[in-house]
PDB file of N, CA and C in Angstrom:
ATOM      1  N   MET A   1     -44.733  19.607   4.031  1.00  0.00           N
ATOM      2  CA  MET A   1     -44.056  20.802   3.605  1.00  0.00           C
ATOM      3  C   MET A   1     -43.150  21.302   4.736  1.00  0.00           C
ATOM      4  N   ILE A   2     -41.938  21.617   4.376  1.00  0.00           N
ATOM      5  CA  ILE A   2     -40.974  22.104   5.351  1.00  0.00           C
ATOM      6  C   ILE A   2     -41.054  23.621   5.395  1.00  0.00           C
ATOM      7  N   ASP A   3     -41.141  24.180   6.586  1.00  0.00           N
ATOM      8  CA  ASP A   3     -41.207  25.633   6.725  1.00  0.00           C
ATOM      9  C   ASP A   3     -40.297  26.087   7.861  1.00  0.00           C
ATOM     10  N   GLU A   4     -40.312  27.389   8.113  1.00  0.00           N
ATOM     11  CA  GLU A   4     -39.439  27.957   9.146  1.00  0.00           C
ATOM     12  C   GLU A   4     -39.709  27.364  10.526  1.00  0.00           C
ATOM     13  N   VAL A   5     -40.961  27.021  10.794  1.00  0.00           N
ATOM     14  CA  VAL A   5     -41.300  26.448  12.103  1.00  0.00           C
ATOM     15  C   VAL A   5     -40.590  25.115  12.290  1.00  0.00           C
ATOM     16  N   HIS A   6     -40.631  24.252  11.257  1.00  0.00           N
ATOM     17  CA  HIS A   6     -39.959  22.946  11.357  1.00  0.00           C
ATOM     18  C   HIS A   6     -38.451  23.109  11.522  1.00  0.00           C
ATOM     19  N   VAL A   7     -37.863  24.022  10.747  1.00  0.00           N
ATOM     20  CA  VAL A   7     -36.424  24.274  10.849  1.00  0.00           C
ATOM     21  C   VAL A   7     -36.082  24.746  12.258  1.00  0.00           C
ATOM     22  N   GLY A   8     -36.822  25.711  12.759  1.00  0.00           N
ATOM     23  CA  GLY A   8     -36.565  26.244  14.094  1.00  0.00           C
ATOM     24  C   GLY A   8     -36.736  25.210  15.191  1.00  0.00           C
ATOM     25  N   GLN A   9     -37.789  24.397  15.081  1.00  0.00           N
ATOM     26  CA  GLN A   9     -38.019  23.363  16.090  1.00  0.00           C
ATOM     27  C   GLN A   9     -36.866  22.367  16.128  1.00  0.00           C
ATOM     28  N   LEU A  10     -36.388  21.984  14.945  1.00  0.00           N
ATOM     29  CA  LEU A  10     -35.274  21.043  14.903  1.00  0.00           C
ATOM     30  C   LEU A  10     -33.999  21.687  15.457  1.00  0.00           C
ATOM     31  N   MET A  11     -33.770  22.935  15.116  1.00  0.00           N
ATOM     32  CA  MET A  11     -32.600  23.633  15.668  1.00  0.00           C
ATOM     33  C   MET A  11     -32.663  23.650  17.194  1.00  0.00           C
ATOM     34  N   ARG A  12     -33.822  23.962  17.739  1.00  0.00           N
ATOM     35  CA  ARG A  12     -33.975  23.999  19.203  1.00  0.00           C
ATOM     36  C   ARG A  12     -33.711  22.615  19.805  1.00  0.00           C
ATOM     37  N   GLU A  13     -34.267  21.596  19.190  1.00  0.00           N
ATOM     38  CA  GLU A  13     -34.078  20.235  19.702  1.00  0.00           C
ATOM     39  C   GLU A  13     -32.598  19.836  19.682  1.00  0.00           C
ATOM     40  N   ILE A  14     -31.922  20.109  18.572  1.00  0.00           N
ATOM     41  CA  ILE A  14     -30.504  19.773  18.464  1.00  0.00           C
ATOM     42  C   ILE A  14     -29.691  20.579  19.482  1.00  0.00           C
ATOM     43  N   ARG A  15     -29.972  21.878  19.568  1.00  0.00           N
ATOM     44  CA  ARG A  15     -29.264  22.729  20.523  1.00  0.00           C
ATOM     45  C   ARG A  15     -29.370  22.176  21.939  1.00  0.00           C
ATOM     46  N   LYS A  16     -30.587  21.828  22.342  1.00  0.00           N
ATOM     47  CA  LYS A  16     -30.797  21.306  23.696  1.00  0.00           C
ATOM     48  C   LYS A  16     -30.103  19.956  23.882  1.00  0.00           C
ATOM     49  N   ASN A  17     -30.196  19.096  22.853  1.00  0.00           N
ATOM     50  CA  ASN A  17     -29.535  17.782  22.946  1.00  0.00           C
ATOM     51  C   ASN A  17     -28.024  17.909  23.063  1.00  0.00           C
ATOM     52  N   LYS A  18     -27.472  18.962  22.491  1.00  0.00           N
ATOM     53  CA  LYS A  18     -26.023  19.188  22.571  1.00  0.00           C
ATOM     54  C   LYS A  18     -25.632  19.924  23.854  1.00  0.00           C
ATOM     55  N   GLY A  19     -26.623  20.310  24.649  1.00  0.00           N
ATOM     56  CA  GLY A  19     -26.358  20.924  25.945  1.00  0.00           C
ATOM     57  C   GLY A  19     -26.116  22.426  25.910  1.00  0.00           C
ATOM     58  N   PHE A  20     -26.529  23.085  24.838  1.00  0.00           N
ATOM     59  CA  PHE A  20     -26.341  24.535  24.741  1.00  0.00           C
ATOM     60  C   PHE A  20     -27.596  25.267  25.218  1.00  0.00           C
ATOM     61  N   THR A  21     -27.396  26.313  25.983  1.00  0.00           N
ATOM     62  CA  THR A  21     -28.512  27.213  26.296  1.00  0.00           C
ATOM     63  C   THR A  21     -28.727  28.103  25.070  1.00  0.00           C
ATOM     64  N   SER A  22     -29.853  28.740  24.996  1.00  0.00           N
ATOM     65  CA  SER A  22     -30.096  29.638  23.862  1.00  0.00           C
ATOM     66  C   SER A  22     -29.123  30.820  23.897  1.00  0.00           C
ATOM     67  N   THR A  23     -28.779  31.263  25.076  1.00  0.00           N
ATOM     68  CA  THR A  23     -27.830  32.375  25.199  1.00  0.00           C
ATOM     69  C   THR A  23     -26.451  31.969  24.687  1.00  0.00           C
ATOM     70  N   LYS A  24     -25.986  30.800  25.088  1.00  0.00           N
ATOM     71  CA  LYS A  24     -24.665  30.327  24.663  1.00  0.00           C
ATOM     72  C   LYS A  24     -24.635  30.082  23.154  1.00  0.00           C
ATOM     73  N   MET A  25     -25.690  29.485  22.607  1.00  0.00           N
ATOM     74  CA  MET A  25     -25.729  29.223  21.168  1.00  0.00           C
ATOM     75  C   MET A  25     -25.757  30.537  20.395  1.00  0.00           C
ATOM     76  N   ALA A  26     -26.554  31.490  20.855  1.00  0.00           N
ATOM     77  CA  ALA A  26     -26.618  32.792  20.182  1.00  0.00           C
ATOM     78  C   ALA A  26     -25.242  33.455  20.187  1.00  0.00           C
ATOM     79  N   GLU A  27     -24.561  33.337  21.289  1.00  0.00           N
ATOM     80  CA  GLU A  27     -23.216  33.904  21.393  1.00  0.00           C
ATOM     81  C   GLU A  27     -22.273  33.246  20.378  1.00  0.00           C
ATOM     82  N   LYS A  28     -22.336  31.924  20.272  1.00  0.00           N
ATOM     83  CA  LYS A  28     -21.473  31.210  19.327  1.00  0.00           C
ATOM     84  C   LYS A  28     -21.823  31.544  17.877  1.00  0.00           C
ATOM     85  N   LEU A  29     -23.112  31.824  17.615  1.00  0.00           N
ATOM     86  CA  LEU A  29     -23.553  32.166  16.256  1.00  0.00           C
ATOM     87  C   LEU A  29     -23.347  33.648  15.933  1.00  0.00           C
ATOM     88  N   HIS A  30     -22.971  34.436  16.943  1.00  0.00           N
ATOM     89  CA  HIS A  30     -22.790  35.887  16.791  1.00  0.00           C
ATOM     90  C   HIS A  30     -24.101  36.589  16.423  1.00  0.00           C
ATOM     91  N   ILE A  31     -25.164  36.154  17.097  1.00  0.00           N
ATOM     92  CA  ILE A  31     -26.470  36.803  16.945  1.00  0.00           C
ATOM     93  C   ILE A  31     -27.031  37.034  18.342  1.00  0.00           C
ATOM     94  N   SER A  32     -28.096  37.821  18.430  1.00  0.00           N
ATOM     95  CA  SER A  32     -28.713  38.056  19.737  1.00  0.00           C
ATOM     96  C   SER A  32     -29.554  36.847  20.140  1.00  0.00           C
ATOM     97  N   GLN A  33     -29.758  36.694  21.434  1.00  0.00           N
ATOM     98  CA  GLN A  33     -30.601  35.607  21.933  1.00  0.00           C
ATOM     99  C   GLN A  33     -32.047  35.773  21.448  1.00  0.00           C
ATOM    100  N   PRO A  34     -32.602  36.992  21.415  1.00  0.00           N
ATOM    101  CA  PRO A  34     -33.962  37.139  20.893  1.00  0.00           C
ATOM    102  C   PRO A  34     -34.080  36.717  19.418  1.00  0.00           C
ATOM    103  N   LYS A  35     -33.027  36.990  18.631  1.00  0.00           N
ATOM    104  CA  LYS A  35     -33.061  36.563  17.227  1.00  0.00           C
ATOM    105  C   LYS A  35     -33.077  35.039  17.146  1.00  0.00           C
ATOM    106  N   LEU A  36     -32.262  34.374  17.947  1.00  0.00           N
ATOM    107  CA  LEU A  36     -32.271  32.910  17.961  1.00  0.00           C
ATOM    108  C   LEU A  36     -33.640  32.398  18.385  1.00  0.00           C
ATOM    109  N   SER A  37     -34.239  33.024  19.365  1.00  0.00           N
ATOM    110  CA  SER A  37     -35.565  32.633  19.820  1.00  0.00           C
ATOM    111  C   SER A  37     -36.587  32.761  18.686  1.00  0.00           C
ATOM    112  N   ARG A  38     -36.515  33.854  17.926  1.00  0.00           N
ATOM    113  CA  ARG A  38     -37.435  34.036  16.788  1.00  0.00           C
ATOM    114  C   ARG A  38     -37.218  32.967  15.723  1.00  0.00           C
ATOM    115  N   ILE A  39     -35.957  32.607  15.498  1.00  0.00           N
ATOM    116  CA  ILE A  39     -35.648  31.548  14.531  1.00  0.00           C
ATOM    117  C   ILE A  39     -36.216  30.221  15.014  1.00  0.00           C
ATOM    118  N   GLU A  40     -35.976  29.897  16.280  1.00  0.00           N
ATOM    119  CA  GLU A  40     -36.421  28.613  16.823  1.00  0.00           C
ATOM    120  C   GLU A  40     -37.939  28.484  16.894  1.00  0.00           C
ATOM    121  N   THR A  41     -38.634  29.602  16.963  1.00  0.00           N
ATOM    122  CA  THR A  41     -40.101  29.548  16.996  1.00  0.00           C
ATOM    123  C   THR A  41     -40.713  29.711  15.602  1.00  0.00           C
ATOM    124  N   GLY A  42     -39.858  29.875  14.599  1.00  0.00           N
ATOM    125  CA  GLY A  42     -40.352  29.996  13.235  1.00  0.00           C
ATOM    126  C   GLY A  42     -40.824  31.378  12.860  1.00  0.00           C
ATOM    127  N   ASN A  43     -40.542  32.364  13.697  1.00  0.00           N
ATOM    128  CA  ASN A  43     -40.970  33.735  13.427  1.00  0.00           C
ATOM    129  C   ASN A  43     -39.963  34.521  12.602  1.00  0.00           C
ATOM    130  N   GLN A  44     -38.807  33.922  12.355  1.00  0.00           N
ATOM    131  CA  GLN A  44     -37.793  34.564  11.521  1.00  0.00           C
ATOM    132  C   GLN A  44     -37.077  33.472  10.739  1.00  0.00           C
ATOM    133  N   PRO A  45     -36.969  33.634   9.427  1.00  0.00           N
ATOM    134  CA  PRO A  45     -36.258  32.619   8.642  1.00  0.00           C
ATOM    135  C   PRO A  45     -34.770  32.619   8.982  1.00  0.00           C
ATOM    136  N   VAL A  46     -34.153  31.467   8.775  1.00  0.00           N
ATOM    137  CA  VAL A  46     -32.724  31.340   9.038  1.00  0.00           C
ATOM    138  C   VAL A  46     -31.995  31.260   7.703  1.00  0.00           C
ATOM    139  N   SER A  47     -30.899  31.982   7.590  1.00  0.00           N
ATOM    140  CA  SER A  47     -30.111  31.928   6.355  1.00  0.00           C
ATOM    141  C   SER A  47     -29.311  30.624   6.315  1.00  0.00           C
ATOM    142  N   ILE A  48     -28.943  30.222   5.124  1.00  0.00           N
ATOM    143  CA  ILE A  48     -28.136  29.011   4.973  1.00  0.00           C
ATOM    144  C   ILE A  48     -26.785  29.189   5.665  1.00  0.00           C
ATOM    145  N   SER A  49     -26.214  30.383   5.575  1.00  0.00           N
ATOM    146  CA  SER A  49     -24.913  30.595   6.222  1.00  0.00           C
ATOM    147  C   SER A  49     -25.027  30.456   7.742  1.00  0.00           C
ATOM    148  N   LEU A  50     -26.111  30.963   8.328  1.00  0.00           N
ATOM    149  CA  LEU A  50     -26.302  30.822   9.774  1.00  0.00           C
ATOM    150  C   LEU A  50     -26.569  29.361  10.134  1.00  0.00           C
ATOM    151  N   LEU A  51     -27.362  28.698   9.318  1.00  0.00           N
ATOM    152  CA  LEU A  51     -27.644  27.282   9.563  1.00  0.00           C
ATOM    153  C   LEU A  51     -26.367  26.459   9.436  1.00  0.00           C
ATOM    154  N   SER A  52     -25.530  26.811   8.499  1.00  0.00           N
ATOM    155  CA  SER A  52     -24.245  26.129   8.330  1.00  0.00           C
ATOM    156  C   SER A  52     -23.375  26.307   9.576  1.00  0.00           C
ATOM    157  N   ARG A  53     -23.306  27.527  10.108  1.00  0.00           N
ATOM    158  CA  ARG A  53     -22.538  27.763  11.342  1.00  0.00           C
ATOM    159  C   ARG A  53     -23.117  26.964  12.502  1.00  0.00           C
ATOM    160  N   PHE A  54     -24.452  26.928  12.570  1.00  0.00           N
ATOM    161  CA  PHE A  54     -25.137  26.150  13.613  1.00  0.00           C
ATOM    162  C   PHE A  54     -24.710  24.683  13.534  1.00  0.00           C
ATOM    163  N   CYS A  55     -24.723  24.128  12.326  1.00  0.00           N
ATOM    164  CA  CYS A  55     -24.357  22.721  12.149  1.00  0.00           C
ATOM    165  C   CYS A  55     -22.899  22.470  12.525  1.00  0.00           C
ATOM    166  N   ILE A  56     -22.010  23.388  12.181  1.00  0.00           N
ATOM    167  CA  ILE A  56     -20.596  23.238  12.549  1.00  0.00           C
ATOM    168  C   ILE A  56     -20.450  23.220  14.064  1.00  0.00           C
ATOM    169  N   ILE A  57     -21.129  24.134  14.735  1.00  0.00           N
ATOM    170  CA  ILE A  57     -21.078  24.194  16.205  1.00  0.00           C
ATOM    171  C   ILE A  57     -21.603  22.894  16.808  1.00  0.00           C
ATOM    172  N   CYS A  58     -22.638  22.342  16.192  1.00  0.00           N
ATOM    173  CA  CYS A  58     -23.258  21.110  16.712  1.00  0.00           C
ATOM    174  C   CYS A  58     -22.601  19.841  16.172  1.00  0.00           C
ATOM    175  N   GLN A  59     -21.535  20.024  15.404  1.00  0.00           N
ATOM    176  CA  GLN A  59     -20.757  18.907  14.858  1.00  0.00           C
ATOM    177  C   GLN A  59     -21.612  17.965  14.016  1.00  0.00           C
ATOM    178  N   MET A  60     -22.323  18.574  13.071  1.00  0.00           N
ATOM    179  CA  MET A  60     -23.111  17.790  12.120  1.00  0.00           C
ATOM    180  C   MET A  60     -23.060  18.482  10.770  1.00  0.00           C
ATOM    181  N   SER A  61     -23.342  17.742   9.722  1.00  0.00           N
ATOM    182  CA  SER A  61     -23.329  18.340   8.389  1.00  0.00           C
ATOM    183  C   SER A  61     -24.702  18.923   8.060  1.00  0.00           C
ATOM    184  N   LEU A  62     -24.717  19.828   7.112  1.00  0.00           N
ATOM    185  CA  LEU A  62     -26.000  20.359   6.623  1.00  0.00           C
ATOM    186  C   LEU A  62     -26.851  19.238   6.042  1.00  0.00           C
ATOM    187  N   VAL A  63     -26.204  18.306   5.367  1.00  0.00           N
ATOM    188  CA  VAL A  63     -26.932  17.166   4.789  1.00  0.00           C
ATOM    189  C   VAL A  63     -27.653  16.397   5.885  1.00  0.00           C
ATOM    190  N   ASP A  64     -26.950  16.135   6.986  1.00  0.00           N
ATOM    191  CA  ASP A  64     -27.582  15.420   8.106  1.00  0.00           C
ATOM    192  C   ASP A  64     -28.729  16.227   8.694  1.00  0.00           C
ATOM    193  N   PHE A  65     -28.540  17.542   8.799  1.00  0.00           N
ATOM    194  CA  PHE A  65     -29.605  18.390   9.328  1.00  0.00           C
ATOM    195  C   PHE A  65     -30.851  18.278   8.457  1.00  0.00           C
ATOM    196  N   PHE A  66     -30.678  18.412   7.140  1.00  0.00           N
ATOM    197  CA  PHE A  66     -31.833  18.357   6.245  1.00  0.00           C
ATOM    198  C   PHE A  66     -32.440  16.960   6.171  1.00  0.00           C
ATOM    199  N   ARG A  67     -31.627  15.936   6.342  1.00  0.00           N
ATOM    200  CA  ARG A  67     -32.158  14.567   6.390  1.00  0.00           C
ATOM    201  C   ARG A  67     -33.052  14.404   7.619  1.00  0.00           C
ATOM    202  N   LEU A  68     -32.560  14.875   8.763  1.00  0.00           N
ATOM    203  CA  LEU A  68     -33.377  14.831   9.985  1.00  0.00           C
ATOM    204  C   LEU A  68     -34.653  15.640   9.822  1.00  0.00           C
ATOM    205  N   LEU A  69     -34.518  16.798   9.201  1.00  0.00           N
ATOM    206  CA  LEU A  69     -35.667  17.670   8.993  1.00  0.00           C
ATOM    207  C   LEU A  69     -36.715  16.982   8.117  1.00  0.00           C
ATOM    208  N   GLU A  70     -36.257  16.328   7.061  1.00  0.00           N
ATOM    209  CA  GLU A  70     -37.185  15.626   6.169  1.00  0.00           C
ATOM    210  C   GLU A  70     -37.864  14.469   6.887  1.00  0.00           C
ATOM    211  N   GLU A  71     -37.085  13.683   7.631  1.00  0.00           N
ATOM    212  CA  GLU A  71     -37.656  12.555   8.373  1.00  0.00           C
ATOM    213  C   GLU A  71     -38.687  13.048   9.381  1.00  0.00           C
ATOM    214  N   ARG A  72     -38.324  14.103  10.087  1.00  0.00           N
ATOM    215  CA  ARG A  72     -39.220  14.667  11.114  1.00  0.00           C
ATOM    216  C   ARG A  72     -40.491  15.209  10.480  1.00  0.00           C
ATOM    217  N   THR A  73     -40.366  15.888   9.354  1.00  0.00           N
ATOM    218  CA  THR A  73     -41.524  16.472   8.685  1.00  0.00           C
ATOM    219  C   THR A  73     -42.458  15.372   8.190  1.00  0.00           C
ATOM    220  N   ASN A  74     -41.884  14.308   7.612  1.00  0.00           N
ATOM    221  CA  ASN A  74     -42.707  13.185   7.167  1.00  0.00           C
ATOM    222  C   ASN A  74     -43.398  12.526   8.348  1.00  0.00           C
ATOM    223  N   PHE A  75     -42.686  12.410   9.464  1.00  0.00           N
ATOM    224  CA  PHE A  75     -43.264  11.822  10.665  1.00  0.00           C
ATOM    225  C   PHE A  75     -44.442  12.653  11.161  1.00  0.00           C
ATOM    226  N   HIS A  76     -44.271  13.983  11.185  1.00  0.00           N
ATOM    227  CA  HIS A  76     -45.356  14.855  11.628  1.00  0.00           C
ATOM    228  C   HIS A  76     -46.553  14.771  10.688  1.00  0.00           C
ATOM    229  N   GLN A  77     -46.298  14.618   9.394  1.00  0.00           N
ATOM    230  CA  GLN A  77     -47.391  14.466   8.430  1.00  0.00           C
ATOM    231  C   GLN A  77     -48.155  13.172   8.706  1.00  0.00           C
ATOM    232  N   LEU A  78     -47.423  12.101   8.994  1.00  0.00           N
ATOM    233  CA  LEU A  78     -48.076  10.831   9.315  1.00  0.00           C
ATOM    234  C   LEU A  78     -48.923  10.951  10.577  1.00  0.00           C
ATOM    235  N   ILE A  79     -48.401  11.646  11.583  1.00  0.00           N
ATOM    236  CA  ILE A  79     -49.168  11.849  12.818  1.00  0.00           C
ATOM    237  C   ILE A  79     -50.435  12.638  12.518  1.00  0.00           C
ATOM    238  N   HIS A  80     -50.314  13.692  11.716  1.00  0.00           N
ATOM    239  CA  HIS A  80     -51.472  14.513  11.356  1.00  0.00           C
ATOM    240  C   HIS A  80     -52.518  13.671  10.617  1.00  0.00           C
ATOM    241  N   GLU A  81     -52.069  12.864   9.664  1.00  0.00           N
ATOM    242  CA  GLU A  81     -53.001  12.015   8.918  1.00  0.00           C
ATOM    243  C   GLU A  81     -53.647  10.981   9.833  1.00  0.00           C
ATOM    244  N   SER A  82     -52.853  10.403  10.748  1.00  0.00           N
ATOM    245  CA  SER A  82     -53.396   9.415  11.678  1.00  0.00           C
ATOM    246  C   SER A  82     -54.436  10.040  12.598  1.00  0.00           C
ATOM    247  N   ARG A  83     -54.168  11.265  13.039  1.00  0.00           N
ATOM    248  CA  ARG A  83     -55.111  11.969  13.905  1.00  0.00           C
ATOM    249  C   ARG A  83     -56.429  12.200  13.172  1.00  0.00           C
ATOM    250  N   ALA A  84     -56.359  12.593  11.900  1.00  0.00           N
ATOM    251  CA  ALA A  84     -57.569  12.822  11.108  1.00  0.00           C
ATOM    252  C   ALA A  84     -58.344  11.517  10.939  1.00  0.00           C
ATOM    253  N   THR A  85     -57.630  10.429  10.668  1.00  0.00           N
ATOM    254  CA  THR A  85     -58.279   9.126  10.516  1.00  0.00           C
ATOM    255  C   THR A  85     -58.949   8.713  11.814  1.00  0.00           C
ATOM    256  N   TYR A  86     -58.266   8.906  12.946  1.00  0.00           N
ATOM    257  CA  TYR A  86     -58.836   8.569  14.247  1.00  0.00           C
ATOM    258  C   TYR A  86     -60.105   9.360  14.503  1.00  0.00           C
ATOM    259  N   GLN A  87     -60.106  10.641  14.151  1.00  0.00           N
ATOM    260  CA  GLN A  87     -61.291  11.469  14.352  1.00  0.00           C
ATOM    261  C   GLN A  87     -62.449  10.970  13.493  1.00  0.00           C
ATOM    262  N   GLU A  88     -62.161  10.536  12.260  1.00  0.00           N
ATOM    263  CA  GLU A  88     -63.203   9.988  11.394  1.00  0.00           C
ATOM    264  C   GLU A  88     -63.771   8.700  11.983  1.00  0.00           C
ATOM    265  N   ILE A  89     -62.895   7.834  12.489  1.00  0.00           N
ATOM    266  CA  ILE A  89     -63.343   6.575  13.090  1.00  0.00           C
ATOM    267  C   ILE A  89     -64.170   6.849  14.338  1.00  0.00           C
ATOM    268  N   SER A  90     -63.746   7.807  15.144  1.00  0.00           N
ATOM    269  CA  SER A  90     -64.506   8.151  16.349  1.00  0.00           C
ATOM    270  C   SER A  90     -65.900   8.635  15.989  1.00  0.00           C
ATOM    271  N   THR A  91     -65.997   9.432  14.937  1.00  0.00           N
ATOM    272  CA  THR A  91     -67.292   9.917  14.473  1.00  0.00           C
ATOM    273  C   THR A  91     -68.155   8.748  14.017  1.00  0.00           C
ATOM    274  N   MET A  92     -67.545   7.840  13.248  1.00  0.00           N
ATOM    275  CA  MET A  92     -68.295   6.671  12.769  1.00  0.00           C
ATOM    276  C   MET A  92     -68.748   5.796  13.934  1.00  0.00           C
ATOM    277  N   ASP A  93     -67.906   5.634  14.942  1.00  0.00           N
ATOM    278  CA  ASP A  93     -68.272   4.842  16.125  1.00  0.00           C
ATOM    279  C   ASP A  93     -69.485   5.441  16.832  1.00  0.00           C
ATOM    280  N   ARG A  94     -69.494   6.774  16.975  1.00  0.00           N
ATOM    281  CA  ARG A  94     -70.631   7.431  17.638  1.00  0.00           C
ATOM    282  C   ARG A  94     -71.915   7.223  16.829  1.00  0.00           C
ATOM    283  N   ILE A  95     -71.809   7.367  15.514  1.00  0.00           N
ATOM    284  CA  ILE A  95     -72.988   7.177  14.658  1.00  0.00           C
ATOM    285  C   ILE A  95     -73.463   5.737  14.760  1.00  0.00           C
ATOM    286  N   PHE A  96     -72.533   4.786  14.644  1.00  0.00           N
ATOM    287  CA  PHE A  96     -72.873   3.369  14.668  1.00  0.00           C
ATOM    288  C   PHE A  96     -73.494   2.967  16.001  1.00  0.00           C
ATOM    289  N   ALA A  97     -73.023   3.546  17.088  1.00  0.00           N
ATOM    290  CA  ALA A  97     -73.537   3.212  18.416  1.00  0.00           C
ATOM    291  C   ALA A  97     -75.012   3.577  18.569  1.00  0.00           C
ATOM    292  N   ASN A  98     -75.480   4.569  17.814  1.00  0.00           N
ATOM    293  CA  ASN A  98     -76.870   5.012  17.925  1.00  0.00           C
ATOM    294  C   ASN A  98     -77.817   4.287  16.973  1.00  0.00           C
ATOM    295  N   LEU A  99     -77.307   3.328  16.209  1.00  0.00           N
ATOM    296  CA  LEU A  99     -78.158   2.601  15.262  1.00  0.00           C
ATOM    297  C   LEU A  99     -78.866   1.445  15.958  1.00  0.00           C
ATOM    298  N   THR A 100     -79.997   1.059  15.378  1.00  0.00           N
ATOM    299  CA  THR A 100     -80.701  -0.128  15.868  1.00  0.00           C
ATOM    300  C   THR A 100     -79.966  -1.372  15.383  1.00  0.00           C
ATOM    301  N   LYS A 101     -80.330  -2.513  15.949  1.00  0.00           N
ATOM    302  CA  LYS A 101     -79.710  -3.778  15.549  1.00  0.00           C
ATOM    303  C   LYS A 101     -79.942  -4.033  14.064  1.00  0.00           C
ATOM    304  N   GLU A 102     -81.140  -3.746  13.582  1.00  0.00           N
ATOM    305  CA  GLU A 102     -81.459  -3.961  12.176  1.00  0.00           C
ATOM    306  C   GLU A 102     -80.631  -3.055  11.257  1.00  0.00           C
ATOM    307  N   GLU A 103     -80.444  -1.795  11.680  1.00  0.00           N
ATOM    308  CA  GLU A 103     -79.637  -0.871  10.879  1.00  0.00           C
ATOM    309  C   GLU A 103     -78.170  -1.321  10.827  1.00  0.00           C
ATOM    310  N   LYS A 104     -77.683  -1.814  11.956  1.00  0.00           N
ATOM    311  CA  LYS A 104     -76.303  -2.316  11.999  1.00  0.00           C
ATOM    312  C   LYS A 104     -76.143  -3.526  11.081  1.00  0.00           C
ATOM    313  N   GLU A 105     -77.114  -4.437  11.101  1.00  0.00           N
ATOM    314  CA  GLU A 105     -77.055  -5.614  10.238  1.00  0.00           C
ATOM    315  C   GLU A 105     -77.117  -5.218   8.757  1.00  0.00           C
ATOM    316  N   ALA A 106     -77.918  -4.210   8.447  1.00  0.00           N
ATOM    317  CA  ALA A 106     -78.030  -3.742   7.068  1.00  0.00           C
ATOM    318  C   ALA A 106     -76.701  -3.148   6.594  1.00  0.00           C
ATOM    319  N   ILE A 107     -76.065  -2.385   7.443  1.00  0.00           N
ATOM    320  CA  ILE A 107     -74.767  -1.802   7.080  1.00  0.00           C
ATOM    321  C   ILE A 107     -73.722  -2.905   6.936  1.00  0.00           C
ATOM    322  N   HIS A 108     -73.759  -3.866   7.821  1.00  0.00           N
ATOM    323  CA  HIS A 108     -72.829  -4.997   7.731  1.00  0.00           C
ATOM    324  C   HIS A 108     -73.016  -5.714   6.397  1.00  0.00           C
ATOM    325  N   TYR A 109     -74.250  -5.962   6.028  1.00  0.00           N
ATOM    326  CA  TYR A 109     -74.541  -6.632   4.754  1.00  0.00           C
ATOM    327  C   TYR A 109     -74.051  -5.783   3.572  1.00  0.00           C
ATOM    328  N   LEU A 110     -74.280  -4.495   3.641  1.00  0.00           N
ATOM    329  CA  LEU A 110     -73.855  -3.591   2.575  1.00  0.00           C
ATOM    330  C   LEU A 110     -72.326  -3.621   2.413  1.00  0.00           C
ATOM    331  N   ILE A 111     -71.620  -3.554   3.513  1.00  0.00           N
ATOM    332  CA  ILE A 111     -70.155  -3.591   3.467  1.00  0.00           C
ATOM    333  C   ILE A 111     -69.682  -4.941   2.947  1.00  0.00           C
ATOM    334  N   TYR A 112     -70.270  -6.012   3.434  1.00  0.00           N
ATOM    335  CA  TYR A 112     -69.890  -7.353   2.991  1.00  0.00           C
ATOM    336  C   TYR A 112     -70.102  -7.504   1.491  1.00  0.00           C
ATOM    337  N   THR A 113     -71.232  -7.022   0.995  1.00  0.00           N
ATOM    338  CA  THR A 113     -71.527  -7.098  -0.441  1.00  0.00           C
ATOM    339  C   THR A 113     -70.529  -6.266  -1.237  1.00  0.00           C
ATOM    340  N   PHE A 114     -70.258  -5.094  -0.779  1.00  0.00           N
ATOM    341  CA  PHE A 114     -69.306  -4.207  -1.460  1.00  0.00           C
ATOM    342  C   PHE A 114     -67.932  -4.832  -1.531  1.00  0.00           C
ATOM    343  N   LYS A 115     -67.454  -5.369  -0.407  1.00  0.00           N
ATOM    344  CA  LYS A 115     -66.112  -5.963  -0.337  1.00  0.00           C
ATOM    345  C   LYS A 115     -66.000  -7.229  -1.178  1.00  0.00           C
ATOM    346  N   SER A 116     -67.068  -8.041  -1.253  1.00  0.00           N
ATOM    347  CA  SER A 116     -66.990  -9.293  -2.008  1.00  0.00           C
ATOM    348  C   SER A 116     -67.065  -9.065  -3.514  1.00  0.00           C
ATOM    349  N   GLU A 117     -67.532  -7.884  -3.961  1.00  0.00           N
ATOM    350  CA  GLU A 117     -67.585  -7.583  -5.383  1.00  0.00           C
ATOM    351  C   GLU A 117     -66.216  -7.220  -5.938  1.00  0.00           C
ATOM    352  N   ARG A 118     -65.291  -6.933  -5.097  1.00  0.00           N
ATOM    353  CA  ARG A 118     -63.942  -6.522  -5.547  1.00  0.00           C
ATOM    354  C   ARG A 118     -63.091  -7.689  -5.898  1.00  0.00           C
TER     355      ARG A 118
END
């Protein structure tokens, strides 16, 4: 899900990559630096007209901005899902490490039987 935080983070990243300070960008956008800071941290939504001006200043289209935003958001979702999977595997590793040899063999047999039935 795309929200103000993702939009603001991408704006900050693009601004920095283009070599603009927050003060200079705020000046070019005709807004205060604190307002830009609130936008970049996701504490204030950004209007489409302001985002459009931002993209013009950064020499990119709105379409490109939203494409980057979508790619970045999907990437962050994948990282979040991978982190959850890693935590589940770590939990399983800890549980498995405390089993006896016989319990481990029983689980191995159970998994093997389950997988071969498919």
